[in-house]
Structures are given as structure tokens and as C-alpha cells.
Amino acid sequence: MKRICLLHTGGTISMVKNEAGVLQPAGSGEHVLEYVPAIKKIAEIDNIFLFELDSSDINPRHWRIIAETIGKHYHDYDGFVVLHGTDTMAYTATALSFMLGNLSKPVILT
């Protein structure tokens, strides 16, 4: 079975509604897997929580942390999924494409 690493950086996908209906950080990635229950049949998923930020607050320091984390765990997983807000996702994807060039494993931002 393939091993996939979910890297949590924040964004709406990392939020849940509290009792008042207000979005707040979930503190756990298990709710994300509930959106796609069949995923557990095709891959083993591990969660790594890097930060819980609005993507408008992500900057080059955070890009370095994401890249270093992927590098550190590169041989442990078959692929990586970075959960990220939409405001700066394109900037992060571009930065990571240069920082992680020529990988033989997928790195997906969503």
C-alpha cells in the first residue's frame, strides 16, 4: 500500500466549525480524511502539522519549512499532499518547484 504524507499548513480545509458556527483550527487532520473515506483503502495516510496559518500570512520562511520537511521525510513516503489556503497557493507552489526540483515523487498542493 502506498504511503502518503499530508502536510498541514492551514487554510479553510484545516478548519472546523465550533458550536457557534465559527470556523476555528481543527488541531487534527482526521476530519480531512472524512471527506474522502475511500482513501484509506488505497493508501496509508500520515499527518504532519507544520502550522495553522491563513495563507495570506505564509512567507518564504514557511516555504523553507515545507521544503525541508519534504526533504526530511522524502524516503518515508511515496508522495506528499500540502494542505494550503488559496490566497498564496500559487506562490508556494512556484517556490517549492524551485526548492524541490527534479523529484521523482509527487508533491501536490491543495
PDB file of N, CA and C in Angstrom:
ATOM      1  N   MET A   1       0.845  -1.179   0.000  1.00  0.00           N
ATOM      2  CA  MET A   1       0.000   0.000   0.000  1.00  0.00           C
ATOM      3  C   MET A   1       0.893   1.245   0.000  1.00  0.00           C
ATOM      4  N   LYS A   2       0.528   2.232  -0.776  1.00  0.00           N
ATOM      5  CA  LYS A   2       1.281   3.481  -0.870  1.00  0.00           C
ATOM      6  C   LYS A   2       1.184   4.264   0.436  1.00  0.00           C
ATOM      7  N   ARG A   3       2.251   4.987   0.747  1.00  0.00           N
ATOM      8  CA  ARG A   3       2.270   5.850   1.932  1.00  0.00           C
ATOM      9  C   ARG A   3       2.282   7.295   1.474  1.00  0.00           C
ATOM     10  N   ILE A   4       1.316   8.066   1.965  1.00  0.00           N
ATOM     11  CA  ILE A   4       1.159   9.468   1.597  1.00  0.00           C
ATOM     12  C   ILE A   4       1.273  10.317   2.861  1.00  0.00           C
ATOM     13  N   CYS A   5       1.982  11.417   2.744  1.00  0.00           N
ATOM     14  CA  CYS A   5       2.139  12.353   3.853  1.00  0.00           C
ATOM     15  C   CYS A   5       1.300  13.599   3.587  1.00  0.00           C
ATOM     16  N   LEU A   6       0.393  13.914   4.502  1.00  0.00           N
ATOM     17  CA  LEU A   6      -0.377  15.161   4.444  1.00  0.00           C
ATOM     18  C   LEU A   6       0.339  16.193   5.307  1.00  0.00           C
ATOM     19  N   LEU A   7       0.766  17.272   4.674  1.00  0.00           N
ATOM     20  CA  LEU A   7       1.416  18.364   5.394  1.00  0.00           C
ATOM     21  C   LEU A   7       0.396  19.478   5.599  1.00  0.00           C
ATOM     22  N   HIS A   8       0.077  19.760   6.830  1.00  0.00           N
ATOM     23  CA  HIS A   8      -0.930  20.766   7.160  1.00  0.00           C
ATOM     24  C   HIS A   8      -0.265  22.118   7.372  1.00  0.00           C
ATOM     25  N   THR A   9      -0.729  23.115   6.604  1.00  0.00           N
ATOM     26  CA  THR A   9      -0.196  24.470   6.762  1.00  0.00           C
ATOM     27  C   THR A   9      -1.281  25.472   7.138  1.00  0.00           C
ATOM     28  N   GLY A  10      -2.531  25.048   7.148  1.00  0.00           N
ATOM     29  CA  GLY A  10      -3.634  25.946   7.476  1.00  0.00           C
ATOM     30  C   GLY A  10      -4.613  26.060   6.335  1.00  0.00           C
ATOM     31  N   GLY A  11      -5.287  27.190   6.264  1.00  0.00           N
ATOM     32  CA  GLY A  11      -6.319  27.383   5.256  1.00  0.00           C
ATOM     33  C   GLY A  11      -7.655  26.841   5.730  1.00  0.00           C
ATOM     34  N   THR A  12      -8.679  27.106   4.976  1.00  0.00           N
ATOM     35  CA  THR A  12     -10.035  26.703   5.358  1.00  0.00           C
ATOM     36  C   THR A  12     -10.168  25.195   5.508  1.00  0.00           C
ATOM     37  N   ILE A  13      -9.446  24.421   4.699  1.00  0.00           N
ATOM     38  CA  ILE A  13      -9.552  22.964   4.777  1.00  0.00           C
ATOM     39  C   ILE A  13      -9.111  22.439   6.143  1.00  0.00           C
ATOM     40  N   SER A  14      -8.306  23.196   6.853  1.00  0.00           N
ATOM     41  CA  SER A  14      -7.824  22.789   8.172  1.00  0.00           C
ATOM     42  C   SER A  14      -8.711  23.289   9.304  1.00  0.00           C
ATOM     43  N   MET A  15      -9.863  23.843   8.962  1.00  0.00           N
ATOM     44  CA  MET A  15     -10.761  24.417   9.964  1.00  0.00           C
ATOM     45  C   MET A  15     -12.006  23.542  10.152  1.00  0.00           C
ATOM     46  N   VAL A  16     -12.621  23.683  11.304  1.00  0.00           N
ATOM     47  CA  VAL A  16     -13.918  23.083  11.598  1.00  0.00           C
ATOM     48  C   VAL A  16     -14.773  24.156  12.264  1.00  0.00           C
ATOM     49  N   LYS A  17     -16.085  23.976  12.194  1.00  0.00           N
ATOM     50  CA  LYS A  17     -16.984  24.926  12.859  1.00  0.00           C
ATOM     51  C   LYS A  17     -17.118  24.561  14.330  1.00  0.00           C
ATOM     52  N   ASN A  18     -17.054  25.596  15.185  1.00  0.00           N
ATOM     53  CA  ASN A  18     -17.284  25.358  16.603  1.00  0.00           C
ATOM     54  C   ASN A  18     -18.789  25.380  16.876  1.00  0.00           C
ATOM     55  N   GLU A  19     -19.170  25.311  18.141  1.00  0.00           N
ATOM     56  CA  GLU A  19     -20.590  25.258  18.499  1.00  0.00           C
ATOM     57  C   GLU A  19     -21.362  26.486  18.047  1.00  0.00           C
ATOM     58  N   ALA A  20     -20.685  27.628  17.922  1.00  0.00           N
ATOM     59  CA  ALA A  20     -21.332  28.867  17.482  1.00  0.00           C
ATOM     60  C   ALA A  20     -21.352  28.988  15.959  1.00  0.00           C
ATOM     61  N   GLY A  21     -20.794  27.988  15.267  1.00  0.00           N
ATOM     62  CA  GLY A  21     -20.768  28.022  13.811  1.00  0.00           C
ATOM     63  C   GLY A  21     -19.619  28.809  13.224  1.00  0.00           C
ATOM     64  N   VAL A  22     -18.647  29.161  14.066  1.00  0.00           N
ATOM     65  CA  VAL A  22     -17.486  29.936  13.626  1.00  0.00           C
ATOM     66  C   VAL A  22     -16.341  28.977  13.303  1.00  0.00           C
ATOM     67  N   LEU A  23     -15.654  29.223  12.188  1.00  0.00           N
ATOM     68  CA  LEU A  23     -14.517  28.382  11.826  1.00  0.00           C
ATOM     69  C   LEU A  23     -13.349  28.620  12.768  1.00  0.00           C
ATOM     70  N   GLN A  24     -12.713  27.516  13.173  1.00  0.00           N
ATOM     71  CA  GLN A  24     -11.530  27.587  14.017  1.00  0.00           C
ATOM     72  C   GLN A  24     -10.594  26.447  13.630  1.00  0.00           C
ATOM     73  N   PRO A  25      -9.293  26.561  13.934  1.00  0.00           N
ATOM     74  CA  PRO A  25      -8.364  25.479  13.601  1.00  0.00           C
ATOM     75  C   PRO A  25      -8.799  24.167  14.242  1.00  0.00           C
ATOM     76  N   ALA A  26      -8.744  23.097  13.470  1.00  0.00           N
ATOM     77  CA  ALA A  26      -9.202  21.798  13.951  1.00  0.00           C
ATOM     78  C   ALA A  26      -8.236  21.177  14.947  1.00  0.00           C
ATOM     79  N   GLY A  27      -6.941  21.408  14.756  1.00  0.00           N
ATOM     80  CA  GLY A  27      -5.956  20.807  15.641  1.00  0.00           C
ATOM     81  C   GLY A  27      -5.669  19.351  15.328  1.00  0.00           C
ATOM     82  N   SER A  28      -6.386  18.794  14.372  1.00  0.00           N
ATOM     83  CA  SER A  28      -6.209  17.403  13.965  1.00  0.00           C
ATOM     84  C   SER A  28      -6.571  17.292  12.498  1.00  0.00           C
ATOM     85  N   GLY A  29      -5.933  16.398  11.803  1.00  0.00           N
ATOM     86  CA  GLY A  29      -6.224  16.224  10.382  1.00  0.00           C
ATOM     87  C   GLY A  29      -7.233  15.149  10.086  1.00  0.00           C
ATOM     88  N   GLU A  30      -7.743  14.496  11.113  1.00  0.00           N
ATOM     89  CA  GLU A  30      -8.665  13.387  10.885  1.00  0.00           C
ATOM     90  C   GLU A  30      -9.923  13.815  10.143  1.00  0.00           C
ATOM     91  N   HIS A  31     -10.400  15.030  10.384  1.00  0.00           N
ATOM     92  CA  HIS A  31     -11.618  15.482   9.704  1.00  0.00           C
ATOM     93  C   HIS A  31     -11.407  15.580   8.196  1.00  0.00           C
ATOM     94  N   VAL A  32     -10.186  15.857   7.764  1.00  0.00           N
ATOM     95  CA  VAL A  32      -9.899  15.957   6.329  1.00  0.00           C
ATOM     96  C   VAL A  32     -10.101  14.601   5.664  1.00  0.00           C
ATOM     97  N   LEU A  33      -9.680  13.544   6.326  1.00  0.00           N
ATOM     98  CA  LEU A  33      -9.822  12.201   5.764  1.00  0.00           C
ATOM     99  C   LEU A  33     -11.281  11.767   5.682  1.00  0.00           C
ATOM    100  N   GLU A  34     -12.141  12.358   6.488  1.00  0.00           N
ATOM    101  CA  GLU A  34     -13.568  12.033   6.433  1.00  0.00           C
ATOM    102  C   GLU A  34     -14.203  12.472   5.121  1.00  0.00           C
ATOM    103  N   TYR A  35     -13.608  13.472   4.444  1.00  0.00           N
ATOM    104  CA  TYR A  35     -14.136  13.934   3.162  1.00  0.00           C
ATOM    105  C   TYR A  35     -13.964  12.882   2.069  1.00  0.00           C
ATOM    106  N   VAL A  36     -12.960  12.030   2.219  1.00  0.00           N
ATOM    107  CA  VAL A  36     -12.664  11.006   1.210  1.00  0.00           C
ATOM    108  C   VAL A  36     -12.412   9.682   1.939  1.00  0.00           C
ATOM    109  N   PRO A  37     -13.466   9.042   2.447  1.00  0.00           N
ATOM    110  CA  PRO A  37     -13.265   7.835   3.251  1.00  0.00           C
ATOM    111  C   PRO A  37     -12.607   6.681   2.492  1.00  0.00           C
ATOM    112  N   ALA A  38     -12.781   6.618   1.182  1.00  0.00           N
ATOM    113  CA  ALA A  38     -12.206   5.522   0.398  1.00  0.00           C
ATOM    114  C   ALA A  38     -10.687   5.593   0.321  1.00  0.00           C
ATOM    115  N   ILE A  39     -10.112   6.730   0.667  1.00  0.00           N
ATOM    116  CA  ILE A  39      -8.660   6.892   0.568  1.00  0.00           C
ATOM    117  C   ILE A  39      -7.928   5.875   1.424  1.00  0.00           C
ATOM    118  N   LYS A  40      -8.514   5.493   2.544  1.00  0.00           N
ATOM    119  CA  LYS A  40      -7.863   4.546   3.448  1.00  0.00           C
ATOM    120  C   LYS A  40      -7.734   3.158   2.830  1.00  0.00           C
ATOM    121  N   LYS A  41      -8.504   2.898   1.780  1.00  0.00           N
ATOM    122  CA  LYS A  41      -8.424   1.603   1.098  1.00  0.00           C
ATOM    123  C   LYS A  41      -7.271   1.544   0.105  1.00  0.00           C
ATOM    124  N   ILE A  42      -6.765   2.708  -0.304  1.00  0.00           N
ATOM    125  CA  ILE A  42      -5.724   2.707  -1.332  1.00  0.00           C
ATOM    126  C   ILE A  42      -4.389   3.270  -0.861  1.00  0.00           C
ATOM    127  N   ALA A  43      -4.371   3.911   0.318  1.00  0.00           N
ATOM    128  CA  ALA A  43      -3.116   4.498   0.789  1.00  0.00           C
ATOM    129  C   ALA A  43      -3.116   4.619   2.306  1.00  0.00           C
ATOM    130  N   GLU A  44      -1.937   4.529   2.859  1.00  0.00           N
ATOM    131  CA  GLU A  44      -1.738   4.813   4.276  1.00  0.00           C
ATOM    132  C   GLU A  44      -1.396   6.297   4.377  1.00  0.00           C
ATOM    133  N   ILE A  45      -2.163   7.035   5.166  1.00  0.00           N
ATOM    134  CA  ILE A  45      -2.020   8.484   5.257  1.00  0.00           C
ATOM    135  C   ILE A  45      -1.470   8.863   6.628  1.00  0.00           C
ATOM    136  N   ASP A  46      -0.412   9.654   6.629  1.00  0.00           N
ATOM    137  CA  ASP A  46       0.132  10.214   7.867  1.00  0.00           C
ATOM    138  C   ASP A  46      -0.003  11.732   7.821  1.00  0.00           C
ATOM    139  N   ASN A  47      -0.270  12.327   8.963  1.00  0.00           N
ATOM    140  CA  ASN A  47      -0.420  13.778   9.083  1.00  0.00           C
ATOM    141  C   ASN A  47       0.806  14.385   9.743  1.00  0.00           C
ATOM    142  N   ILE A  48       1.302  15.469   9.157  1.00  0.00           N
ATOM    143  CA  ILE A  48       2.337  16.280   9.795  1.00  0.00           C
ATOM    144  C   ILE A  48       1.797  17.706   9.851  1.00  0.00           C
ATOM    145  N   PHE A  49       1.736  18.257  11.055  1.00  0.00           N
ATOM    146  CA  PHE A  49       1.210  19.605  11.251  1.00  0.00           C
ATOM    147  C   PHE A  49       2.372  20.588  11.326  1.00  0.00           C
ATOM    148  N   LEU A  50       2.477  21.420  10.319  1.00  0.00           N
ATOM    149  CA  LEU A  50       3.555  22.407  10.279  1.00  0.00           C
ATOM    150  C   LEU A  50       3.133  23.707  10.940  1.00  0.00           C
ATOM    151  N   PHE A  51       1.973  24.208  10.557  1.00  0.00           N
ATOM    152  CA  PHE A  51       1.430  25.431  11.142  1.00  0.00           C
ATOM    153  C   PHE A  51      -0.039  25.536  10.767  1.00  0.00           C
ATOM    154  N   GLU A  52      -0.758  26.415  11.454  1.00  0.00           N
ATOM    155  CA  GLU A  52      -2.170  26.691  11.166  1.00  0.00           C
ATOM    156  C   GLU A  52      -2.282  28.169  10.843  1.00  0.00           C
ATOM    157  N   LEU A  53      -2.008  28.505   9.587  1.00  0.00           N
ATOM    158  CA  LEU A  53      -1.973  29.904   9.175  1.00  0.00           C
ATOM    159  C   LEU A  53      -3.005  30.196   8.101  1.00  0.00           C
ATOM    160  N   ASP A  54      -3.470  31.424   8.091  1.00  0.00           N
ATOM    161  CA  ASP A  54      -4.172  31.932   6.925  1.00  0.00           C
ATOM    162  C   ASP A  54      -3.104  32.027   5.846  1.00  0.00           C
ATOM    163  N   SER A  55      -3.394  31.558   4.645  1.00  0.00           N
ATOM    164  CA  SER A  55      -2.332  31.519   3.632  1.00  0.00           C
ATOM    165  C   SER A  55      -1.817  32.902   3.257  1.00  0.00           C
ATOM    166  N   SER A  56      -2.578  33.946   3.542  1.00  0.00           N
ATOM    167  CA  SER A  56      -2.064  35.294   3.262  1.00  0.00           C
ATOM    168  C   SER A  56      -0.890  35.643   4.175  1.00  0.00           C
ATOM    169  N   ASP A  57      -0.688  34.860   5.242  1.00  0.00           N
ATOM    170  CA  ASP A  57       0.429  35.083   6.159  1.00  0.00           C
ATOM    171  C   ASP A  57       1.639  34.193   5.864  1.00  0.00           C
ATOM    172  N   ILE A  58       1.533  33.312   4.881  1.00  0.00           N
ATOM    173  CA  ILE A  58       2.658  32.434   4.550  1.00  0.00           C
ATOM    174  C   ILE A  58       3.700  33.224   3.773  1.00  0.00           C
ATOM    175  N   ASN A  59       4.959  33.010   4.135  1.00  0.00           N
ATOM    176  CA  ASN A  59       6.059  33.761   3.525  1.00  0.00           C
ATOM    177  C   ASN A  59       7.223  32.816   3.219  1.00  0.00           C
ATOM    178  N   PRO A  60       8.332  33.324   2.686  1.00  0.00           N
ATOM    179  CA  PRO A  60       9.453  32.449   2.325  1.00  0.00           C
ATOM    180  C   PRO A  60       9.981  31.572   3.462  1.00  0.00           C
ATOM    181  N   ARG A  61       9.905  32.043   4.686  1.00  0.00           N
ATOM    182  CA  ARG A  61      10.335  31.200   5.821  1.00  0.00           C
ATOM    183  C   ARG A  61       9.494  29.932   5.891  1.00  0.00           C
ATOM    184  N   HIS A  62       8.191  30.057   5.657  1.00  0.00           N
ATOM    185  CA  HIS A  62       7.304  28.898   5.679  1.00  0.00           C
ATOM    186  C   HIS A  62       7.583  27.970   4.497  1.00  0.00           C
ATOM    187  N   TRP A  63       7.889  28.550   3.333  1.00  0.00           N
ATOM    188  CA  TRP A  63       8.232  27.720   2.166  1.00  0.00           C
ATOM    189  C   TRP A  63       9.438  26.842   2.486  1.00  0.00           C
ATOM    190  N   ARG A  64      10.416  27.424   3.172  1.00  0.00           N
ATOM    191  CA  ARG A  64      11.616  26.665   3.542  1.00  0.00           C
ATOM    192  C   ARG A  64      11.262  25.519   4.482  1.00  0.00           C
ATOM    193  N   ILE A  65      10.374  25.776   5.439  1.00  0.00           N
ATOM    194  CA  ILE A  65       9.957  24.731   6.377  1.00  0.00           C
ATOM    195  C   ILE A  65       9.253  23.602   5.632  1.00  0.00           C
ATOM    196  N   ILE A  66       8.369  23.933   4.705  1.00  0.00           N
ATOM    197  CA  ILE A  66       7.673  22.905   3.918  1.00  0.00           C
ATOM    198  C   ILE A  66       8.689  22.080   3.131  1.00  0.00           C
ATOM    199  N   ALA A  67       9.598  22.755   2.427  1.00  0.00           N
ATOM    200  CA  ALA A  67      10.597  22.056   1.615  1.00  0.00           C
ATOM    201  C   ALA A  67      11.504  21.179   2.477  1.00  0.00           C
ATOM    202  N   GLU A  68      11.941  21.689   3.615  1.00  0.00           N
ATOM    203  CA  GLU A  68      12.806  20.908   4.500  1.00  0.00           C
ATOM    204  C   GLU A  68      12.082  19.690   5.052  1.00  0.00           C
ATOM    205  N   THR A  69      10.802  19.838   5.360  1.00  0.00           N
ATOM    206  CA  THR A  69      10.024  18.712   5.875  1.00  0.00           C
ATOM    207  C   THR A  69       9.883  17.633   4.811  1.00  0.00           C
ATOM    208  N   ILE A  70       9.601  18.029   3.582  1.00  0.00           N
ATOM    209  CA  ILE A  70       9.519  17.052   2.491  1.00  0.00           C
ATOM    210  C   ILE A  70      10.870  16.368   2.306  1.00  0.00           C
ATOM    211  N   GLY A  71      11.949  17.136   2.331  1.00  0.00           N
ATOM    212  CA  GLY A  71      13.279  16.548   2.203  1.00  0.00           C
ATOM    213  C   GLY A  71      13.595  15.569   3.320  1.00  0.00           C
ATOM    214  N   LYS A  72      13.238  15.926   4.541  1.00  0.00           N
ATOM    215  CA  LYS A  72      13.499  15.072   5.700  1.00  0.00           C
ATOM    216  C   LYS A  72      12.748  13.748   5.604  1.00  0.00           C
ATOM    217  N   HIS A  73      11.534  13.773   5.063  1.00  0.00           N
ATOM    218  CA  HIS A  73      10.688  12.576   5.009  1.00  0.00           C
ATOM    219  C   HIS A  73      10.608  11.964   3.610  1.00  0.00           C
ATOM    220  N   TYR A  74      11.453  12.421   2.703  1.00  0.00           N
ATOM    221  CA  TYR A  74      11.362  12.011   1.296  1.00  0.00           C
ATOM    222  C   TYR A  74      11.387  10.492   1.124  1.00  0.00           C
ATOM    223  N   HIS A  75      12.233   9.802   1.852  1.00  0.00           N
ATOM    224  CA  HIS A  75      12.367   8.352   1.681  1.00  0.00           C
ATOM    225  C   HIS A  75      11.316   7.565   2.463  1.00  0.00           C
ATOM    226  N   ASP A  76      10.507   8.239   3.264  1.00  0.00           N
ATOM    227  CA  ASP A  76       9.485   7.565   4.067  1.00  0.00           C
ATOM    228  C   ASP A  76       8.146   7.439   3.355  1.00  0.00           C
ATOM    229  N   TYR A  77       7.933   8.237   2.302  1.00  0.00           N
ATOM    230  CA  TYR A  77       6.619   8.314   1.666  1.00  0.00           C
ATOM    231  C   TYR A  77       6.722   8.197   0.152  1.00  0.00           C
ATOM    232  N   ASP A  78       5.600   7.807  -0.451  1.00  0.00           N
ATOM    233  CA  ASP A  78       5.506   7.711  -1.912  1.00  0.00           C
ATOM    234  C   ASP A  78       5.055   9.020  -2.540  1.00  0.00           C
ATOM    235  N   GLY A  79       4.507   9.921  -1.739  1.00  0.00           N
ATOM    236  CA  GLY A  79       4.057  11.215  -2.234  1.00  0.00           C
ATOM    237  C   GLY A  79       3.646  12.107  -1.083  1.00  0.00           C
ATOM    238  N   PHE A  80       3.478  13.384  -1.406  1.00  0.00           N
ATOM    239  CA  PHE A  80       3.170  14.398  -0.398  1.00  0.00           C
ATOM    240  C   PHE A  80       2.006  15.258  -0.874  1.00  0.00           C
ATOM    241  N   VAL A  81       1.104  15.574   0.053  1.00  0.00           N
ATOM    242  CA  VAL A  81      -0.001  16.486  -0.223  1.00  0.00           C
ATOM    243  C   VAL A  81       0.097  17.612   0.798  1.00  0.00           C
ATOM    244  N   VAL A  82       0.234  18.834   0.295  1.00  0.00           N
ATOM    245  CA  VAL A  82       0.335  20.012   1.156  1.00  0.00           C
ATOM    246  C   VAL A  82      -1.035  20.674   1.199  1.00  0.00           C
ATOM    247  N   LEU A  83      -1.661  20.679   2.372  1.00  0.00           N
ATOM    248  CA  LEU A  83      -2.951  21.348   2.550  1.00  0.00           C
ATOM    249  C   LEU A  83      -2.667  22.819   2.822  1.00  0.00           C
ATOM    250  N   HIS A  84      -3.220  23.681   1.974  1.00  0.00           N
ATOM    251  CA  HIS A  84      -2.793  25.082   1.926  1.00  0.00           C
ATOM    252  C   HIS A  84      -3.992  25.945   1.558  1.00  0.00           C
ATOM    253  N   GLY A  85      -4.062  27.126   2.096  1.00  0.00           N
ATOM    254  CA  GLY A  85      -5.099  28.074   1.693  1.00  0.00           C
ATOM    255  C   GLY A  85      -4.872  28.569   0.275  1.00  0.00           C
ATOM    256  N   THR A  86      -5.904  29.159  -0.301  1.00  0.00           N
ATOM    257  CA  THR A  86      -5.839  29.539  -1.715  1.00  0.00           C
ATOM    258  C   THR A  86      -5.188  30.891  -1.982  1.00  0.00           C
ATOM    259  N   ASP A  87      -5.124  31.776  -0.988  1.00  0.00           N
ATOM    260  CA  ASP A  87      -4.617  33.133  -1.237  1.00  0.00           C
ATOM    261  C   ASP A  87      -3.214  33.152  -1.828  1.00  0.00           C
ATOM    262  N   THR A  88      -2.333  32.310  -1.312  1.00  0.00           N
ATOM    263  CA  THR A  88      -0.936  32.330  -1.768  1.00  0.00           C
ATOM    264  C   THR A  88      -0.458  30.976  -2.276  1.00  0.00           C
ATOM    265  N   MET A  89      -1.392  30.079  -2.570  1.00  0.00           N
ATOM    266  CA  MET A  89      -1.014  28.739  -3.007  1.00  0.00           C
ATOM    267  C   MET A  89      -0.117  28.766  -4.246  1.00  0.00           C
ATOM    268  N   ALA A  90      -0.423  29.624  -5.198  1.00  0.00           N
ATOM    269  CA  ALA A  90       0.384  29.691  -6.425  1.00  0.00           C
ATOM    270  C   ALA A  90       1.815  30.109  -6.112  1.00  0.00           C
ATOM    271  N   TYR A  91       1.992  31.036  -5.175  1.00  0.00           N
ATOM    272  CA  TYR A  91       3.339  31.462  -4.799  1.00  0.00           C
ATOM    273  C   TYR A  91       4.103  30.318  -4.128  1.00  0.00           C
ATOM    274  N   THR A  92       3.419  29.621  -3.222  1.00  0.00           N
ATOM    275  CA  THR A  92       4.058  28.495  -2.543  1.00  0.00           C
ATOM    276  C   THR A  92       4.420  27.405  -3.537  1.00  0.00           C
ATOM    277  N   ALA A  93       3.511  27.091  -4.455  1.00  0.00           N
ATOM    278  CA  ALA A  93       3.785  26.055  -5.459  1.00  0.00           C
ATOM    279  C   ALA A  93       4.992  26.426  -6.310  1.00  0.00           C
ATOM    280  N   THR A  94       5.070  27.680  -6.705  1.00  0.00           N
ATOM    281  CA  THR A  94       6.201  28.131  -7.517  1.00  0.00           C
ATOM    282  C   THR A  94       7.506  28.020  -6.735  1.00  0.00           C
ATOM    283  N   ALA A  95       7.498  28.492  -5.499  1.00  0.00           N
ATOM    284  CA  ALA A  95       8.707  28.421  -4.673  1.00  0.00           C
ATOM    285  C   ALA A  95       9.145  26.976  -4.470  1.00  0.00           C
ATOM    286  N   LEU A  96       8.193  26.099  -4.157  1.00  0.00           N
ATOM    287  CA  LEU A  96       8.541  24.697  -3.930  1.00  0.00           C
ATOM    288  C   LEU A  96       9.059  24.031  -5.195  1.00  0.00           C
ATOM    289  N   SER A  97       8.547  24.445  -6.354  1.00  0.00           N
ATOM    290  CA  SER A  97       9.024  23.836  -7.602  1.00  0.00           C
ATOM    291  C   SER A  97      10.508  24.115  -7.813  1.00  0.00           C
ATOM    292  N   PHE A  98      10.982  25.272  -7.365  1.00  0.00           N
ATOM    293  CA  PHE A  98      12.408  25.584  -7.461  1.00  0.00           C
ATOM    294  C   PHE A  98      13.200  24.939  -6.325  1.00  0.00           C
ATOM    295  N   MET A  99      12.627  24.933  -5.134  1.00  0.00           N
ATOM    296  CA  MET A  99      13.337  24.397  -3.971  1.00  0.00           C
ATOM    297  C   MET A  99      13.456  22.881  -4.008  1.00  0.00           C
ATOM    298  N   LEU A 100      12.481  22.214  -4.647  1.00  0.00           N
ATOM    299  CA  LEU A 100      12.432  20.751  -4.662  1.00  0.00           C
ATOM    300  C   LEU A 100      12.620  20.187  -6.067  1.00  0.00           C
ATOM    301  N   GLY A 101      13.265  20.883  -6.934  1.00  0.00           N
ATOM    302  CA  GLY A 101      13.383  20.490  -8.334  1.00  0.00           C
ATOM    303  C   GLY A 101      13.832  19.052  -8.539  1.00  0.00           C
ATOM    304  N   ASN A 102      13.325  18.439  -9.608  1.00  0.00           N
ATOM    305  CA  ASN A 102      13.722  17.103 -10.058  1.00  0.00           C
ATOM    306  C   ASN A 102      13.402  15.977  -9.080  1.00  0.00           C
ATOM    307  N   LEU A 103      12.280  16.073  -8.389  1.00  0.00           N
ATOM    308  CA  LEU A 103      11.853  14.981  -7.519  1.00  0.00           C
ATOM    309  C   LEU A 103      11.241  13.872  -8.360  1.00  0.00           C
ATOM    310  N   SER A 104      11.330  12.656  -7.865  1.00  0.00           N
ATOM    311  CA  SER A 104      10.696  11.539  -8.565  1.00  0.00           C
ATOM    312  C   SER A 104       9.388  11.125  -7.890  1.00  0.00           C
ATOM    313  N   LYS A 105       8.937  11.918  -6.928  1.00  0.00           N
ATOM    314  CA  LYS A 105       7.684  11.651  -6.225  1.00  0.00           C
ATOM    315  C   LYS A 105       6.797  12.882  -6.331  1.00  0.00           C
ATOM    316  N   PRO A 106       5.471  12.677  -6.346  1.00  0.00           N
ATOM    317  CA  PRO A 106       4.577  13.832  -6.465  1.00  0.00           C
ATOM    318  C   PRO A 106       4.491  14.650  -5.179  1.00  0.00           C
ATOM    319  N   VAL A 107       4.398  15.962  -5.372  1.00  0.00           N
ATOM    320  CA  VAL A 107       4.101  16.909  -4.299  1.00  0.00           C
ATOM    321  C   VAL A 107       2.914  17.718  -4.803  1.00  0.00           C
ATOM    322  N   ILE A 108       1.782  17.564  -4.136  1.00  0.00           N
ATOM    323  CA  ILE A 108       0.526  18.180  -4.574  1.00  0.00           C
ATOM    324  C   ILE A 108       0.114  19.230  -3.556  1.00  0.00           C
ATOM    325  N   LEU A 109      -0.244  20.406  -4.037  1.00  0.00           N
ATOM    326  CA  LEU A 109      -0.795  21.443  -3.168  1.00  0.00           C
ATOM    327  C   LEU A 109      -2.288  21.530  -3.411  1.00  0.00           C
ATOM    328  N   THR A 110      -3.041  21.565  -2.333  1.00  0.00           N
ATOM    329  CA  THR A 110      -4.495  21.688  -2.440  1.00  0.00           C
ATOM    330  C   THR A 110      -5.037  22.432  -1.252  1.00  0.00           C
TER     331      THR A 110
END
